[in-house]
Protein backbone atom coordinates (compact mmCIF):
# COMPACT_ATOMS: atom_id res chain seq x y z
CA MET A 1 -23.54 -66.33 13.83
CA ILE A 2 -20.96 -64.43 15.45
CA ASN A 3 -21.46 -60.03 15.82
CA THR A 4 -18.07 -59.14 13.80
CA TYR A 5 -16.18 -56.62 14.82
CA ASN A 6 -12.64 -55.29 13.99
CA GLU A 7 -10.25 -53.07 15.08
CA SER A 8 -11.97 -50.08 13.27
CA ALA A 9 -14.75 -50.18 15.51
CA LEU A 10 -13.81 -47.82 17.72
CA HIS A 11 -12.00 -45.35 14.72
CA GLU A 12 -15.37 -45.87 12.58
CA THR A 13 -17.44 -44.78 15.70
CA LEU A 14 -15.69 -41.51 16.30
CA LYS A 15 -15.36 -40.40 12.76
CA LYS A 16 -18.90 -40.33 12.24
CA LEU A 17 -19.23 -38.17 15.16
CA TYR A 18 -16.95 -35.77 14.21
CA ALA A 19 -18.03 -35.62 10.77
CA LEU A 20 -21.09 -34.63 11.88
CA GLU A 21 -19.93 -32.39 14.51
CA SER A 22 -18.07 -30.43 11.63
CA ASN A 23 -20.40 -30.74 9.05
CA GLY A 24 -17.56 -32.71 7.24
CA ILE A 25 -17.29 -35.28 4.60
CA MET A 26 -16.24 -38.75 5.20
CA GLU A 27 -13.27 -40.90 3.21
CA VAL A 28 -12.01 -38.41 1.18
CA GLN A 29 -8.66 -38.63 -1.22
CA LEU A 30 -6.09 -35.79 -0.68
CA ASP A 31 -5.23 -34.09 -3.56
CA ASP A 32 -3.56 -36.57 -6.26
CA THR A 33 -1.77 -38.17 -3.66
CA PRO A 34 -2.71 -42.24 -2.10
CA TRP A 35 -4.32 -40.97 1.01
CA ILE A 36 -7.52 -40.61 2.10
CA CYS A 37 -8.42 -38.32 4.77
CA ASP A 38 -10.77 -39.50 7.66
CA ILE A 39 -12.75 -36.20 7.87
CA LEU A 40 -12.93 -32.82 5.30
CA ASP A 41 -14.75 -30.40 7.31
CA GLU A 42 -16.94 -28.12 6.24
CA ASN A 43 -13.73 -25.23 5.65
CA LYS A 44 -11.57 -27.85 3.27
CA ASN A 45 -9.72 -28.80 6.40
CA VAL A 46 -8.83 -31.93 7.65
CA ILE A 47 -9.70 -34.35 10.90
CA GLU A 48 -8.12 -37.59 11.26
CA ILE A 49 -8.82 -40.39 14.08
CA GLN A 50 -5.45 -42.34 15.60
CA THR A 51 -6.38 -44.98 18.27
CA SER A 52 -2.84 -45.82 18.26
CA ASN A 53 0.54 -45.01 17.30
CA LEU A 54 0.60 -41.13 16.21
CA SER A 55 3.29 -41.29 14.44
CA ALA A 56 1.98 -43.22 11.71
CA LEU A 57 -0.02 -40.36 10.36
CA THR A 58 4.05 -38.10 10.21
CA GLU A 59 3.65 -38.28 6.39
CA LYS A 60 0.51 -37.41 5.89
CA ALA A 61 0.19 -34.81 8.22
CA LEU A 62 3.26 -33.26 7.04
CA TYR A 63 1.48 -33.29 3.42
CA ILE A 64 -1.67 -31.93 4.58
CA LEU A 65 0.09 -28.89 6.68
CA GLU A 66 2.25 -28.16 3.90
CA THR A 67 -0.70 -27.84 1.70
CA GLY A 68 -2.21 -24.93 3.85
CA ARG A 69 -4.80 -26.76 5.58
CA LYS A 70 -5.30 -27.22 9.06
CA LEU A 71 -5.35 -30.38 11.12
CA LYS A 72 -6.95 -31.84 13.78
CA ILE A 73 -5.33 -35.07 15.02
CA VAL A 74 -8.35 -37.10 17.18
CA HIS A 75 -6.65 -39.41 19.78
CA PRO A 76 -8.95 -41.34 22.13
CA ILE A 77 -7.30 -42.77 25.47
CA ALA A 78 -8.98 -45.63 27.52
CA GLU A 79 -9.13 -43.45 30.86
CA ASN A 80 -11.47 -46.47 31.91
CA LYS A 81 -11.45 -50.15 30.06
CA TRP A 82 -13.91 -53.08 30.06
CA ILE A 83 -13.05 -56.27 29.26
CA GLU A 84 -15.57 -58.72 27.44
CA LEU A 85 -15.01 -62.13 26.40
CA TYR A 86 -17.10 -64.13 23.68
CA GLY A 87 -17.13 -67.22 22.91
CA SER A 88 -17.20 -69.42 19.42
CA ASP A 89 -21.07 -68.88 19.23
CA GLY A 90 -21.35 -65.34 19.84
CA GLU A 91 -22.55 -65.69 23.66
CA LEU A 92 -20.32 -63.39 26.25
CA LEU A 93 -19.02 -65.04 28.69
CA HIS A 94 -17.97 -62.76 31.25
CA ARG A 95 -17.16 -58.49 31.23
CA LYS A 96 -15.01 -57.54 33.56
CA LYS A 97 -13.34 -53.77 33.93
CA SER A 98 -9.60 -53.30 34.00
CA PRO A 99 -7.70 -52.09 36.56
CA LYS A 100 -5.39 -49.98 33.87
CA LYS A 101 -6.38 -46.54 33.25
CA ALA A 102 -4.15 -45.21 30.35
CA THR A 103 -3.25 -41.51 30.26
CA ILE A 104 -1.25 -39.03 27.70
CA TYR A 105 2.05 -40.64 29.15
CA ASP A 106 0.99 -44.10 27.87
CA SER A 107 0.68 -42.18 24.40
CA LEU A 108 3.80 -40.67 24.23
CA ARG A 109 5.82 -43.85 22.68
CA GLY A 110 3.69 -43.47 20.09
CA MET A 111 4.68 -39.33 19.28
CA THR A 112 8.33 -40.14 18.94
CA LYS A 113 8.16 -39.26 15.11
CA ILE A 114 5.46 -36.84 14.64
CA CYS A 115 5.89 -34.73 17.63
CA PRO A 116 7.34 -31.61 16.19
CA LEU A 117 4.47 -31.50 13.82
CA PHE A 118 2.63 -30.25 17.25
CA LEU A 119 3.95 -27.26 17.34
CA GLN A 120 2.99 -25.93 13.50
CA GLU A 121 0.51 -23.43 13.25
CA ASN A 122 -1.90 -25.24 11.78
CA CYS A 123 -2.06 -28.76 13.85
CA GLU A 124 -3.54 -29.32 17.20
CA LEU A 125 -3.79 -32.64 18.94
CA GLU A 126 -7.43 -33.54 20.42
CA LEU A 127 -7.21 -35.89 23.60
CA LEU A 128 -10.24 -38.13 23.91
CA TYR A 129 -10.39 -39.50 27.76
CA CYS A 130 -13.30 -42.47 26.56
CA ASP A 131 -14.14 -45.17 28.63
CA ILE A 132 -13.86 -48.04 26.06
CA SER A 133 -14.77 -51.96 26.02
CA GLU A 134 -12.56 -54.34 24.24
CA MET A 135 -13.59 -57.54 22.98
CA ARG A 136 -12.22 -60.77 22.71
CA ARG A 137 -13.33 -64.23 21.15
CA LYS A 138 -12.01 -66.90 23.35
CA THR A 139 -10.13 -70.06 21.23
CA GLU A 140 -9.46 -73.61 22.16
CA GLY A 141 -5.86 -73.29 22.49
CA LEU A 142 -3.56 -70.62 22.43
CA SER A 143 -3.48 -68.50 19.73
CA GLN A 144 -0.98 -65.61 17.26
CA ASN A 145 -3.05 -62.70 16.65
CA GLN A 146 -3.42 -62.04 12.88
CA THR A 147 -0.63 -59.34 12.99
CA ASN A 148 2.02 -62.28 14.84
CA SER A 149 3.24 -59.26 17.13
CA ARG A 150 2.50 -61.54 20.55
CA ARG A 151 5.44 -62.51 22.47
CA HIS A 152 3.86 -64.78 24.25
CA LEU A 153 0.28 -66.88 22.81
CA LYS A 154 -3.02 -66.07 24.70
CA ASP A 155 -6.10 -68.41 24.60
CA TRP A 156 -8.07 -65.24 22.91
CA LEU A 157 -8.49 -63.19 19.96
CA PRO A 158 -9.00 -59.29 19.46
CA MET A 159 -12.29 -58.63 18.05
CA GLY A 160 -11.94 -54.93 18.33
CA LYS A 161 -13.12 -51.84 20.53
CA ARG A 162 -16.14 -50.08 21.54
CA LEU A 163 -16.58 -46.45 22.75
CA GLU A 164 -18.73 -46.75 25.98
CA LYS A 165 -18.87 -42.49 26.80
CA ILE A 166 -16.38 -40.06 26.39
CA SER A 167 -15.74 -38.05 29.52
CA ARG A 168 -13.72 -35.19 28.60
CA LYS A 169 -11.14 -33.79 25.80
CA GLU A 170 -8.12 -32.10 26.06
CA LYS A 171 -6.65 -30.09 23.13
CA PHE A 172 -2.77 -29.27 22.54
CA SER A 173 -2.30 -26.52 19.96
CA LYS A 174 0.39 -24.00 21.24
CA LYS A 175 3.76 -24.47 23.49
CA GLU A 176 1.69 -23.92 26.29
CA ASP A 177 0.03 -26.55 26.16
CA TRP A 178 3.11 -28.81 26.33
CA GLU A 179 4.71 -27.08 28.99
CA LYS A 180 1.76 -28.26 31.41
CA LEU A 181 3.16 -31.79 30.67
CA ILE A 182 6.31 -30.80 33.03
CA PRO A 183 6.48 -30.37 36.70
CA GLU A 184 5.31 -27.26 37.96
CA SER A 185 8.38 -26.95 40.16
CA LEU A 186 10.48 -27.05 36.63
CA ARG A 187 8.73 -24.43 34.87
CA GLN A 188 8.57 -21.59 37.24
CA LYS A 189 11.02 -18.83 36.67
CA ASP A 190 12.65 -17.17 39.35
CA GLU A 191 13.04 -14.21 40.39
CA LYS A 192 15.48 -13.42 38.02
CA GLY A 193 13.07 -14.84 35.37
CA LYS A 194 15.21 -17.80 35.05
CA PHE A 195 14.00 -21.49 34.50
CA PRO A 196 15.45 -23.88 36.76
CA ALA A 197 18.14 -26.17 35.50
CA PHE A 198 17.63 -30.12 36.46
CA ARG A 199 18.57 -33.77 35.85
CA ALA A 200 16.60 -36.54 34.49
CA VAL A 201 16.42 -37.99 37.91
CA ASP A 202 15.20 -34.43 38.98
CA PHE A 203 12.41 -34.15 36.66
CA LYS A 204 11.39 -37.90 37.41
CA ARG A 205 11.42 -37.45 41.37
CA GLU A 206 9.44 -34.28 40.90
CA MET A 207 6.92 -35.98 38.04
CA ALA A 208 6.08 -38.86 41.04
CA LYS A 209 5.48 -36.10 43.54
CA GLU A 210 2.82 -34.38 41.06
CA LYS A 211 1.61 -37.33 38.45
CA GLY A 212 2.20 -40.47 40.63
CA ALA A 213 5.10 -42.86 40.15
CA LYS A 214 2.96 -44.42 37.73
CA ASN A 215 3.17 -41.99 35.57
CA SER A 216 6.77 -40.80 36.46
CA ARG A 217 8.13 -43.98 35.04
CA TRP A 218 7.64 -42.23 31.26
CA ALA A 219 9.86 -38.83 32.39
CA PRO A 220 12.88 -40.10 30.38
CA LEU A 221 10.76 -40.59 26.95
CA LEU A 222 9.06 -37.02 27.98
CA ILE A 223 12.43 -35.10 28.19
CA TRP A 224 13.29 -36.21 24.58
CA ILE A 225 10.28 -35.56 22.84
CA LEU A 226 10.30 -32.20 24.91
CA VAL A 227 14.03 -31.70 24.18
CA LYS A 228 13.14 -32.91 20.07
CA MET A 229 9.78 -29.97 19.88
CA GLN A 230 12.25 -27.81 21.26
CA ILE A 231 10.20 -26.83 24.49
CA LEU A 232 13.53 -28.10 26.42
CA GLU A 233 16.94 -27.71 25.70
CA ILE A 234 20.19 -28.81 27.23
CA THR A 235 22.54 -26.34 28.90
CA GLU A 236 25.37 -28.33 30.24
CA VAL A 237 26.74 -31.51 30.02
CA LYS A 238 28.45 -33.45 33.77
CA GLY A 239 30.05 -36.62 32.94
CA ARG A 240 26.98 -38.19 32.19
CA SER A 241 24.62 -36.43 33.39
CA LYS A 242 22.57 -33.72 31.57
CA ILE A 243 21.42 -30.57 32.46
CA TYR A 244 18.13 -29.20 31.08
CA SER A 245 15.86 -26.58 30.87
CA VAL A 246 12.95 -25.25 30.30
CA ARG A 247 13.66 -22.89 26.86
CA SER A 248 13.18 -19.56 27.00
């Protein structure tokens, strides 16, 4: 009998950890809504575990915050990942470490809808930098996945993810936390107390110096999100170029 996993295995592990840590109850219906919260803690506040697209939580998160509850959204980031390939009989064929190391920038695409909520007083985003094993089952031929989302067929199907270790946590609960994502040279006031003006190309260049070229490719999306969160503002438009600055 093959060991069976599903995409919620990582989610389930983190849910149990946070329920224990907060003296909370898992899987609680939110009032008379159709929503089920992952954890209701001992103070009747909500903890949600979101392993992928953060924006999928937007409507539920908005409702929770409107009721006056505090909301903690926990999002794991695979800082180190191993790939395990299993045969049809459940035997482990091989295990190898992935060269990919995810960062917060890799999660930006999933924040586009929910990001304005992160600055509400009772909302906190907690990032977990983790070691994760991703399990796959080898197939005889090229296969589509369950959601039919593969543009290119592969000879394996996902079996889920397993948490190996949590290395560290990073919390985002106020404007200053998000400002740290802006290159330092662009968020330092001058002698007159003003933030420097910059273009997107300047932001990307400074981001590459500070965070590396790999992460700097997310610069346009990060700018867009920070503008939407009203942390950056457009101060001027020159031709096709927009001039930005940190909002005072």
